Amino acid sequence: MSYDRIKDREETEAERHDRQLGELLQEVRVAVPGVQVLFAFLLTVPFTSRWNDVTDLQRDVYFGTLLMTAIATAFLLAPGSIHRVLFRQGDKRFIVHTAHWLFLAGLGALAVAIGLAVFLVADVLFDMTAAAIAAGCIFGFTVLLWYVVPLSRRLWRSNAD
């Protein structure tokens, strides 16, 4: 067994929750700038001179991308807000558990937003077929890296025990 297994650490439950919350908040700090950049870009798009040239599909994909980015932002910022509101309430277990799932949901929403953003740009540059292929590849690649690889490892490790 590796050192990283919870049962191998010599820490109290409170120490474990403190560590887990610190790790989770650090992961949020890594993800939030990406979603902020995407959101900022999306907020400027309708005010460009070419906005009047978009098709109905491009407008709809743009709005879906904007909504998914806003949802991802809400999910990814929620752990910090929950921690702040419940600070010093002795409920760190709830904070860590809830923040964990909100962060995963935020990453999922961000993966969809990234895929939609790629679709939108590729559709403007090329055509709908190329856009669908590019978006599907990027979305699939993101899901593979963010979910399939770690979940496969988790399953492999649980079967090895």
Protein backbone atom coordinates (compact mmCIF):
# COMPACT_ATOMS: atom_id res chain seq x y z
CA MET A 1 0.00 0.00 0.00
CA SER A 2 1.11 3.52 -0.69
CA TYR A 3 1.58 6.38 1.72
CA ASP A 4 -1.25 8.27 0.05
CA ARG A 5 -3.92 5.91 1.30
CA ILE A 6 -6.00 7.52 4.05
CA LYS A 7 -5.68 4.54 6.33
CA ASP A 8 -1.86 4.73 6.12
CA ARG A 9 -1.68 8.30 7.41
CA GLU A 10 -1.29 8.99 11.05
CA GLU A 11 -3.75 11.85 11.31
CA THR A 12 -6.94 12.49 13.20
CA GLU A 13 -10.22 12.89 11.38
CA ALA A 14 -10.01 16.65 11.93
CA GLU A 15 -6.47 16.76 10.54
CA ARG A 16 -7.58 14.71 7.53
CA HIS A 17 -10.48 17.09 6.84
CA ASP A 18 -8.15 20.09 7.18
CA ARG A 19 -5.70 18.52 4.71
CA GLN A 20 -8.44 17.51 2.30
CA LEU A 21 -10.00 20.97 2.36
CA GLY A 22 -6.62 22.59 1.75
CA GLU A 23 -5.95 20.27 -1.19
CA LEU A 24 -9.41 20.86 -2.63
CA LEU A 25 -9.15 24.64 -2.37
CA GLN A 26 -5.76 24.51 -4.08
CA GLU A 27 -7.32 22.53 -6.93
CA VAL A 28 -10.06 25.15 -7.19
CA ARG A 29 -7.37 27.84 -7.43
CA VAL A 30 -5.96 26.01 -10.45
CA ALA A 31 -9.31 25.60 -12.24
CA VAL A 32 -10.87 29.01 -11.66
CA PRO A 33 -8.51 31.08 -13.87
CA GLY A 34 -9.37 28.88 -16.85
CA VAL A 35 -13.08 29.34 -16.44
CA GLN A 36 -12.58 33.08 -15.83
CA VAL A 37 -10.69 33.51 -19.10
CA LEU A 38 -13.34 31.59 -21.04
CA PHE A 39 -16.15 33.56 -19.39
CA ALA A 40 -14.44 36.90 -20.05
CA PHE A 41 -13.92 36.00 -23.70
CA LEU A 42 -17.54 34.92 -24.07
CA LEU A 43 -18.85 38.13 -22.53
CA THR A 44 -17.12 40.19 -25.24
CA VAL A 45 -18.19 38.15 -28.28
CA PRO A 46 -21.66 39.68 -28.89
CA PHE A 47 -20.11 43.15 -28.93
CA THR A 48 -17.78 42.45 -31.84
CA SER A 49 -18.43 43.69 -35.35
CA ARG A 50 -18.91 40.17 -36.74
CA TRP A 51 -21.67 39.22 -34.27
CA ASN A 52 -24.36 40.19 -36.80
CA ASP A 53 -22.97 37.56 -39.20
CA VAL A 54 -23.52 34.54 -36.91
CA THR A 55 -26.04 31.88 -37.84
CA ASP A 56 -28.91 30.86 -35.59
CA LEU A 57 -26.98 27.70 -34.67
CA GLN A 58 -23.87 29.70 -33.77
CA ARG A 59 -25.95 32.07 -31.65
CA ASP A 60 -27.58 29.14 -29.84
CA VAL A 61 -24.24 27.38 -29.29
CA TYR A 62 -22.76 30.64 -28.05
CA PHE A 63 -25.58 31.06 -25.53
CA GLY A 64 -25.24 27.43 -24.40
CA THR A 65 -21.50 27.95 -23.97
CA LEU A 66 -22.09 31.13 -21.97
CA LEU A 67 -24.61 29.35 -19.71
CA MET A 68 -22.35 26.33 -19.16
CA THR A 69 -19.45 28.64 -18.34
CA ALA A 70 -21.61 30.54 -15.85
CA ILE A 71 -22.71 27.23 -14.29
CA ALA A 72 -19.09 26.02 -14.13
CA THR A 73 -18.12 29.30 -12.48
CA ALA A 74 -20.85 28.92 -9.86
CA PHE A 75 -19.88 25.31 -9.12
CA LEU A 76 -16.15 26.06 -8.95
CA LEU A 77 -16.54 29.09 -6.69
CA ALA A 78 -19.08 27.39 -4.40
CA PRO A 79 -16.48 25.49 -2.27
CA GLY A 80 -14.84 28.75 -1.22
CA SER A 81 -18.19 30.32 -0.43
CA ILE A 82 -19.40 27.31 1.55
CA HIS A 83 -16.17 27.27 3.53
CA ARG A 84 -16.46 30.98 4.26
CA VAL A 85 -20.13 30.78 5.35
CA LEU A 86 -19.57 27.72 7.53
CA PHE A 87 -16.17 28.84 8.84
CA ARG A 88 -15.68 27.97 12.52
CA GLN A 89 -18.94 26.04 12.70
CA GLY A 90 -17.28 22.67 13.32
CA ASP A 91 -18.76 21.20 10.15
CA LYS A 92 -15.62 20.60 8.11
CA ARG A 93 -16.70 17.08 7.12
CA PHE A 94 -19.79 18.54 5.39
CA ILE A 95 -17.70 21.28 3.79
CA VAL A 96 -15.16 18.83 2.37
CA HIS A 97 -17.79 16.36 1.14
CA THR A 98 -19.98 19.01 -0.47
CA ALA A 99 -17.07 20.94 -1.96
CA HIS A 100 -15.70 17.72 -3.46
CA TRP A 101 -18.90 17.06 -5.42
CA LEU A 102 -19.39 20.69 -6.40
CA PHE A 103 -15.85 20.80 -7.77
CA LEU A 104 -16.41 17.64 -9.83
CA ALA A 105 -19.68 19.08 -11.16
CA GLY A 106 -17.88 22.32 -12.00
CA LEU A 107 -15.25 20.43 -13.97
CA GLY A 108 -18.00 18.61 -15.83
CA ALA A 109 -19.73 21.87 -16.73
CA LEU A 110 -16.38 23.34 -17.76
CA ALA A 111 -15.68 20.33 -20.02
CA VAL A 112 -19.02 20.91 -21.77
CA ALA A 113 -18.32 24.65 -22.06
CA ILE A 114 -14.88 24.02 -23.57
CA GLY A 115 -16.33 21.58 -26.07
CA LEU A 116 -19.05 24.06 -27.05
CA ALA A 117 -16.52 26.90 -27.36
CA VAL A 118 -14.39 24.77 -29.69
CA PHE A 119 -17.51 23.93 -31.70
CA LEU A 120 -18.38 27.62 -32.03
CA VAL A 121 -14.93 28.69 -33.18
CA ALA A 122 -14.51 25.73 -35.55
CA ASP A 123 -17.94 26.37 -37.08
CA VAL A 124 -16.98 29.99 -37.79
CA LEU A 125 -13.61 28.96 -39.24
CA PHE A 126 -14.63 25.83 -41.15
CA ASP A 127 -18.05 24.17 -41.21
CA MET A 128 -20.45 22.29 -38.96
CA THR A 129 -18.92 18.87 -39.65
CA ALA A 130 -15.42 20.01 -38.74
CA ALA A 131 -16.84 21.80 -35.72
CA ALA A 132 -18.65 18.69 -34.49
CA ILE A 133 -15.55 16.54 -34.94
CA ALA A 134 -13.26 19.05 -33.22
CA ALA A 135 -15.68 19.63 -30.34
CA GLY A 136 -16.30 15.91 -29.89
CA CYS A 137 -12.57 15.18 -29.84
CA ILE A 138 -11.82 17.95 -27.34
CA PHE A 139 -14.75 16.99 -25.12
CA GLY A 140 -13.80 13.31 -25.26
CA PHE A 141 -10.15 14.09 -24.54
CA THR A 142 -11.12 16.27 -21.57
CA VAL A 143 -13.44 13.62 -20.14
CA LEU A 144 -10.74 11.02 -20.65
CA LEU A 145 -8.13 13.06 -18.75
CA TRP A 146 -10.39 14.44 -16.03
CA TYR A 147 -12.57 11.41 -15.32
CA VAL A 148 -11.73 8.16 -17.14
CA VAL A 149 -8.02 8.03 -16.26
CA PRO A 150 -8.47 8.72 -12.52
CA LEU A 151 -11.60 6.55 -12.22
CA SER A 152 -9.82 3.68 -14.01
CA ARG A 153 -6.93 3.99 -11.58
CA ARG A 154 -9.35 4.09 -8.65
CA LEU A 155 -11.13 0.96 -9.88
CA TRP A 156 -7.81 -0.83 -10.53
CA ARG A 157 -6.54 0.03 -7.02
CA SER A 158 -9.75 -1.07 -5.33
CA ASN A 159 -9.63 -4.39 -7.20
CA ALA A 160 -5.94 -4.84 -6.28
CA ASP A 161 -6.71 -4.66 -2.56
